[in-house]
Amino acid sequence: MTLFGAAPGVADPAAPTPRGAAARALYSAVARYRYEISPKLPARCPYTPTCSTYAIKALHRHGALRGGMLTLGRLLRCTPERARRRGGLDPVPSARSR
């Protein structure tokens, strides 16, 4: 089996593998979820992008700490009612300047 047509372990098309070790570990966990668990479940994420795509992009752009916090916040607000209030769109914030 492959993830999005690529061999396992290959970067997600949504965002390349992050640089930090902790961010890579979280990225791998999300990729494993997308590869092994998500295909077995019915689609139910009310947002665009999906929560797993949001997590991949957040970890790539912001690293483990901020990306993890953004992902946790997204998962906590992932309800149909909140998505309707936001118009179904909830993009990952741009990376901050350092």
N, C-alpha and C. Protein backbone atom coordinates (compact mmCIF):
# COMPACT_ATOMS: atom_id res chain seq x y z
N MET A 1 0.84 -1.19 0.00
CA MET A 1 0.00 0.00 0.00
C MET A 1 0.88 1.25 0.00
N THR A 2 0.29 2.32 -0.47
CA THR A 2 1.04 3.57 -0.51
C THR A 2 0.20 4.70 0.05
N LEU A 3 0.87 5.74 0.46
CA LEU A 3 0.23 6.95 0.97
C LEU A 3 0.19 7.96 -0.15
N PHE A 4 -1.00 8.25 -0.66
CA PHE A 4 -1.19 9.23 -1.73
C PHE A 4 -0.36 8.87 -2.96
N GLY A 5 -0.26 7.59 -3.25
CA GLY A 5 0.46 7.16 -4.43
C GLY A 5 1.97 7.11 -4.26
N ALA A 6 2.47 7.39 -3.08
CA ALA A 6 3.91 7.35 -2.83
C ALA A 6 4.22 6.19 -1.89
N ALA A 7 5.45 5.75 -1.90
CA ALA A 7 5.85 4.67 -1.02
C ALA A 7 5.81 5.14 0.43
N PRO A 8 5.53 4.22 1.38
CA PRO A 8 5.54 4.60 2.79
C PRO A 8 6.87 5.25 3.16
N GLY A 9 6.80 6.28 4.00
CA GLY A 9 7.99 6.99 4.41
C GLY A 9 8.32 8.19 3.53
N VAL A 10 7.62 8.34 2.40
CA VAL A 10 7.84 9.47 1.51
C VAL A 10 7.01 10.64 2.02
N ALA A 11 7.52 11.85 1.86
CA ALA A 11 6.84 13.05 2.35
C ALA A 11 5.44 13.19 1.78
N ASP A 12 4.57 13.73 2.58
CA ASP A 12 3.18 13.99 2.21
C ASP A 12 3.15 15.12 1.19
N PRO A 13 2.25 15.04 0.20
CA PRO A 13 2.18 16.13 -0.78
C PRO A 13 1.71 17.46 -0.17
N ALA A 14 1.04 17.42 0.99
CA ALA A 14 0.56 18.65 1.63
C ALA A 14 1.72 19.49 2.15
N ALA A 15 2.79 18.84 2.60
CA ALA A 15 3.95 19.55 3.13
C ALA A 15 5.10 18.56 3.29
N PRO A 16 6.33 19.00 3.03
CA PRO A 16 7.47 18.11 3.21
C PRO A 16 7.67 17.75 4.68
N THR A 17 8.46 16.73 4.92
CA THR A 17 8.76 16.32 6.29
C THR A 17 9.45 17.46 7.03
N PRO A 18 9.01 17.77 8.26
CA PRO A 18 9.64 18.85 9.02
C PRO A 18 11.08 18.50 9.43
N ARG A 19 11.83 19.51 9.85
CA ARG A 19 13.25 19.30 10.18
C ARG A 19 13.49 18.76 11.58
N GLY A 20 12.81 19.24 12.60
CA GLY A 20 13.07 18.83 13.97
C GLY A 20 12.65 17.39 14.26
N ALA A 21 13.35 16.75 15.19
CA ALA A 21 13.08 15.35 15.53
C ALA A 21 11.67 15.18 16.10
N ALA A 22 11.25 16.06 16.99
CA ALA A 22 9.92 15.95 17.60
C ALA A 22 8.84 16.18 16.54
N ALA A 23 9.03 17.17 15.69
CA ALA A 23 8.05 17.44 14.63
C ALA A 23 7.98 16.27 13.66
N ARG A 24 9.13 15.65 13.35
CA ARG A 24 9.13 14.48 12.47
C ARG A 24 8.37 13.32 13.09
N ALA A 25 8.52 13.13 14.41
CA ALA A 25 7.81 12.04 15.10
C ALA A 25 6.30 12.27 15.05
N LEU A 26 5.86 13.50 15.30
CA LEU A 26 4.43 13.81 15.23
C LEU A 26 3.92 13.69 13.79
N TYR A 27 4.72 14.16 12.85
CA TYR A 27 4.39 14.05 11.43
C TYR A 27 4.19 12.58 11.05
N SER A 28 5.10 11.72 11.52
CA SER A 28 5.00 10.29 11.22
C SER A 28 3.74 9.68 11.82
N ALA A 29 3.36 10.13 13.01
CA ALA A 29 2.14 9.62 13.65
C ALA A 29 0.91 10.01 12.83
N VAL A 30 0.87 11.25 12.36
CA VAL A 30 -0.26 11.71 11.55
C VAL A 30 -0.27 10.97 10.20
N ALA A 31 0.89 10.80 9.60
CA ALA A 31 0.97 10.08 8.33
C ALA A 31 0.51 8.63 8.50
N ARG A 32 0.89 8.01 9.61
CA ARG A 32 0.45 6.63 9.88
C ARG A 32 -1.07 6.59 10.03
N TYR A 33 -1.64 7.57 10.75
CA TYR A 33 -3.10 7.66 10.88
C TYR A 33 -3.74 7.75 9.50
N ARG A 34 -3.21 8.63 8.65
CA ARG A 34 -3.77 8.83 7.31
C ARG A 34 -3.64 7.59 6.44
N TYR A 35 -2.58 6.84 6.65
CA TYR A 35 -2.29 5.67 5.82
C TYR A 35 -3.03 4.42 6.29
N GLU A 36 -3.12 4.22 7.62
CA GLU A 36 -3.66 2.97 8.14
C GLU A 36 -5.08 3.08 8.70
N ILE A 37 -5.42 4.18 9.33
CA ILE A 37 -6.71 4.28 10.03
C ILE A 37 -7.76 5.03 9.23
N SER A 38 -7.41 6.19 8.73
CA SER A 38 -8.37 7.05 8.03
C SER A 38 -9.09 6.37 6.87
N PRO A 39 -8.41 5.58 6.03
CA PRO A 39 -9.13 4.95 4.91
C PRO A 39 -10.23 3.98 5.36
N LYS A 40 -10.16 3.51 6.58
CA LYS A 40 -11.16 2.56 7.10
C LYS A 40 -12.37 3.26 7.72
N LEU A 41 -12.30 4.57 7.87
CA LEU A 41 -13.37 5.34 8.51
C LEU A 41 -14.10 6.18 7.47
N PRO A 42 -15.38 6.45 7.71
CA PRO A 42 -16.09 7.35 6.79
C PRO A 42 -15.57 8.79 6.94
N ALA A 43 -15.59 9.55 5.87
CA ALA A 43 -15.16 10.95 5.92
C ALA A 43 -16.12 11.72 6.83
N ARG A 44 -15.56 12.49 7.77
CA ARG A 44 -16.43 13.22 8.69
C ARG A 44 -15.87 14.57 9.14
N CYS A 45 -14.74 14.96 8.62
CA CYS A 45 -14.17 16.25 9.02
C CYS A 45 -14.96 17.38 8.34
N PRO A 46 -15.51 18.31 9.14
CA PRO A 46 -16.32 19.38 8.55
C PRO A 46 -15.49 20.53 7.99
N TYR A 47 -14.19 20.50 8.18
CA TYR A 47 -13.34 21.61 7.75
C TYR A 47 -12.60 21.32 6.45
N THR A 48 -12.16 22.40 5.83
CA THR A 48 -11.24 22.33 4.71
C THR A 48 -10.05 23.19 5.10
N PRO A 49 -8.84 22.67 5.13
CA PRO A 49 -8.43 21.30 4.88
C PRO A 49 -8.84 20.38 6.03
N THR A 50 -8.76 19.08 5.79
CA THR A 50 -9.11 18.12 6.84
C THR A 50 -8.16 18.29 8.02
N CYS A 51 -8.54 17.74 9.16
CA CYS A 51 -7.72 17.89 10.36
C CYS A 51 -6.33 17.27 10.19
N SER A 52 -6.25 16.15 9.49
CA SER A 52 -4.92 15.53 9.32
C SER A 52 -4.05 16.36 8.38
N THR A 53 -4.62 16.93 7.34
CA THR A 53 -3.85 17.80 6.45
C THR A 53 -3.42 19.05 7.19
N TYR A 54 -4.31 19.59 8.02
CA TYR A 54 -3.98 20.75 8.86
C TYR A 54 -2.78 20.42 9.75
N ALA A 55 -2.80 19.23 10.38
CA ALA A 55 -1.72 18.83 11.27
C ALA A 55 -0.40 18.73 10.51
N ILE A 56 -0.41 18.11 9.35
CA ILE A 56 0.80 17.96 8.54
C ILE A 56 1.38 19.34 8.19
N LYS A 57 0.52 20.25 7.74
CA LYS A 57 0.98 21.59 7.36
C LYS A 57 1.45 22.38 8.58
N ALA A 58 0.74 22.27 9.71
CA ALA A 58 1.13 23.00 10.91
C ALA A 58 2.48 22.53 11.43
N LEU A 59 2.71 21.22 11.42
CA LEU A 59 4.00 20.69 11.87
C LEU A 59 5.12 21.13 10.94
N HIS A 60 4.85 21.15 9.66
CA HIS A 60 5.88 21.59 8.70
C HIS A 60 6.20 23.07 8.88
N ARG A 61 5.19 23.91 8.99
CA ARG A 61 5.40 25.36 9.07
C ARG A 61 5.90 25.83 10.42
N HIS A 62 5.40 25.22 11.50
CA HIS A 62 5.65 25.78 12.83
C HIS A 62 6.46 24.89 13.77
N GLY A 63 6.76 23.67 13.38
CA GLY A 63 7.52 22.78 14.26
C GLY A 63 6.63 22.07 15.26
N ALA A 64 7.24 21.31 16.15
CA ALA A 64 6.50 20.43 17.06
C ALA A 64 5.67 21.20 18.09
N LEU A 65 6.25 22.20 18.72
CA LEU A 65 5.53 22.88 19.81
C LEU A 65 4.34 23.69 19.30
N ARG A 66 4.61 24.69 18.49
CA ARG A 66 3.52 25.53 17.99
C ARG A 66 2.60 24.74 17.05
N GLY A 67 3.17 23.92 16.17
CA GLY A 67 2.36 23.11 15.27
C GLY A 67 1.49 22.12 16.02
N GLY A 68 2.04 21.54 17.08
CA GLY A 68 1.26 20.62 17.91
C GLY A 68 0.12 21.33 18.63
N MET A 69 0.39 22.54 19.12
CA MET A 69 -0.66 23.32 19.80
C MET A 69 -1.74 23.75 18.81
N LEU A 70 -1.34 24.18 17.62
CA LEU A 70 -2.33 24.54 16.60
C LEU A 70 -3.20 23.33 16.24
N THR A 71 -2.57 22.16 16.11
CA THR A 71 -3.31 20.94 15.78
C THR A 71 -4.27 20.57 16.90
N LEU A 72 -3.82 20.64 18.14
CA LEU A 72 -4.69 20.33 19.27
C LEU A 72 -5.89 21.26 19.30
N GLY A 73 -5.65 22.56 19.09
CA GLY A 73 -6.75 23.51 19.03
C GLY A 73 -7.73 23.18 17.93
N ARG A 74 -7.21 22.81 16.79
CA ARG A 74 -8.08 22.43 15.66
C ARG A 74 -8.93 21.22 16.01
N LEU A 75 -8.32 20.20 16.60
CA LEU A 75 -9.07 19.01 16.96
C LEU A 75 -10.17 19.31 17.99
N LEU A 76 -9.88 20.23 18.92
CA LEU A 76 -10.87 20.59 19.94
C LEU A 76 -12.04 21.38 19.35
N ARG A 77 -11.81 22.11 18.29
CA ARG A 77 -12.90 22.88 17.68
C ARG A 77 -13.51 22.18 16.46
N CYS A 78 -13.15 20.95 16.22
CA CYS A 78 -13.62 20.22 15.04
C CYS A 78 -15.02 19.66 15.28
N THR A 79 -16.00 20.55 15.22
CA THR A 79 -17.40 20.16 15.34
C THR A 79 -18.17 20.80 14.18
N PRO A 80 -19.23 20.16 13.73
CA PRO A 80 -19.99 20.73 12.60
C PRO A 80 -20.49 22.14 12.87
N GLU A 81 -20.94 22.43 14.09
CA GLU A 81 -21.46 23.76 14.40
C GLU A 81 -20.38 24.83 14.27
N ARG A 82 -19.22 24.59 14.83
CA ARG A 82 -18.13 25.56 14.73
C ARG A 82 -17.66 25.72 13.29
N ALA A 83 -17.63 24.63 12.55
CA ALA A 83 -17.21 24.70 11.15
C ALA A 83 -18.19 25.55 10.35
N ARG A 84 -19.47 25.41 10.61
CA ARG A 84 -20.47 26.23 9.91
C ARG A 84 -20.26 27.71 10.21
N ARG A 85 -19.97 28.04 11.46
CA ARG A 85 -19.74 29.44 11.83
C ARG A 85 -18.51 30.01 11.13
N ARG A 86 -17.53 29.18 10.85
CA ARG A 86 -16.30 29.62 10.17
C ARG A 86 -16.39 29.45 8.67
N GLY A 87 -17.51 29.00 8.16
CA GLY A 87 -17.66 28.78 6.73
C GLY A 87 -16.95 27.53 6.24
N GLY A 88 -16.56 26.64 7.16
CA GLY A 88 -15.90 25.40 6.79
C GLY A 88 -14.42 25.54 6.49
N LEU A 89 -13.93 26.77 6.46
CA LEU A 89 -12.51 27.00 6.15
C LEU A 89 -11.74 27.30 7.43
N ASP A 90 -10.60 26.67 7.58
CA ASP A 90 -9.74 26.90 8.74
C ASP A 90 -8.29 26.62 8.32
N PRO A 91 -7.67 27.53 7.57
CA PRO A 91 -6.31 27.30 7.10
C PRO A 91 -5.28 27.43 8.23
N VAL A 92 -4.13 26.83 8.02
CA VAL A 92 -3.02 26.93 8.97
C VAL A 92 -2.46 28.36 8.87
N PRO A 93 -2.22 29.01 10.02
CA PRO A 93 -1.64 30.35 9.97
C PRO A 93 -0.26 30.34 9.30
N SER A 94 0.10 31.46 8.71
CA SER A 94 1.43 31.60 8.09
C SER A 94 2.50 31.50 9.15
N ALA A 95 3.68 31.10 8.74
CA ALA A 95 4.83 31.02 9.65
C ALA A 95 5.21 32.42 10.12
N ARG A 96 5.57 32.52 11.38
CA ARG A 96 5.99 33.81 11.93
C ARG A 96 7.42 34.13 11.50
N SER A 97 7.71 35.39 11.37
CA SER A 97 9.09 35.80 11.09
C SER A 97 9.92 35.63 12.34
N ARG A 98 11.17 35.26 12.14
CA ARG A 98 12.05 35.06 13.32
C ARG A 98 13.12 36.08 13.36
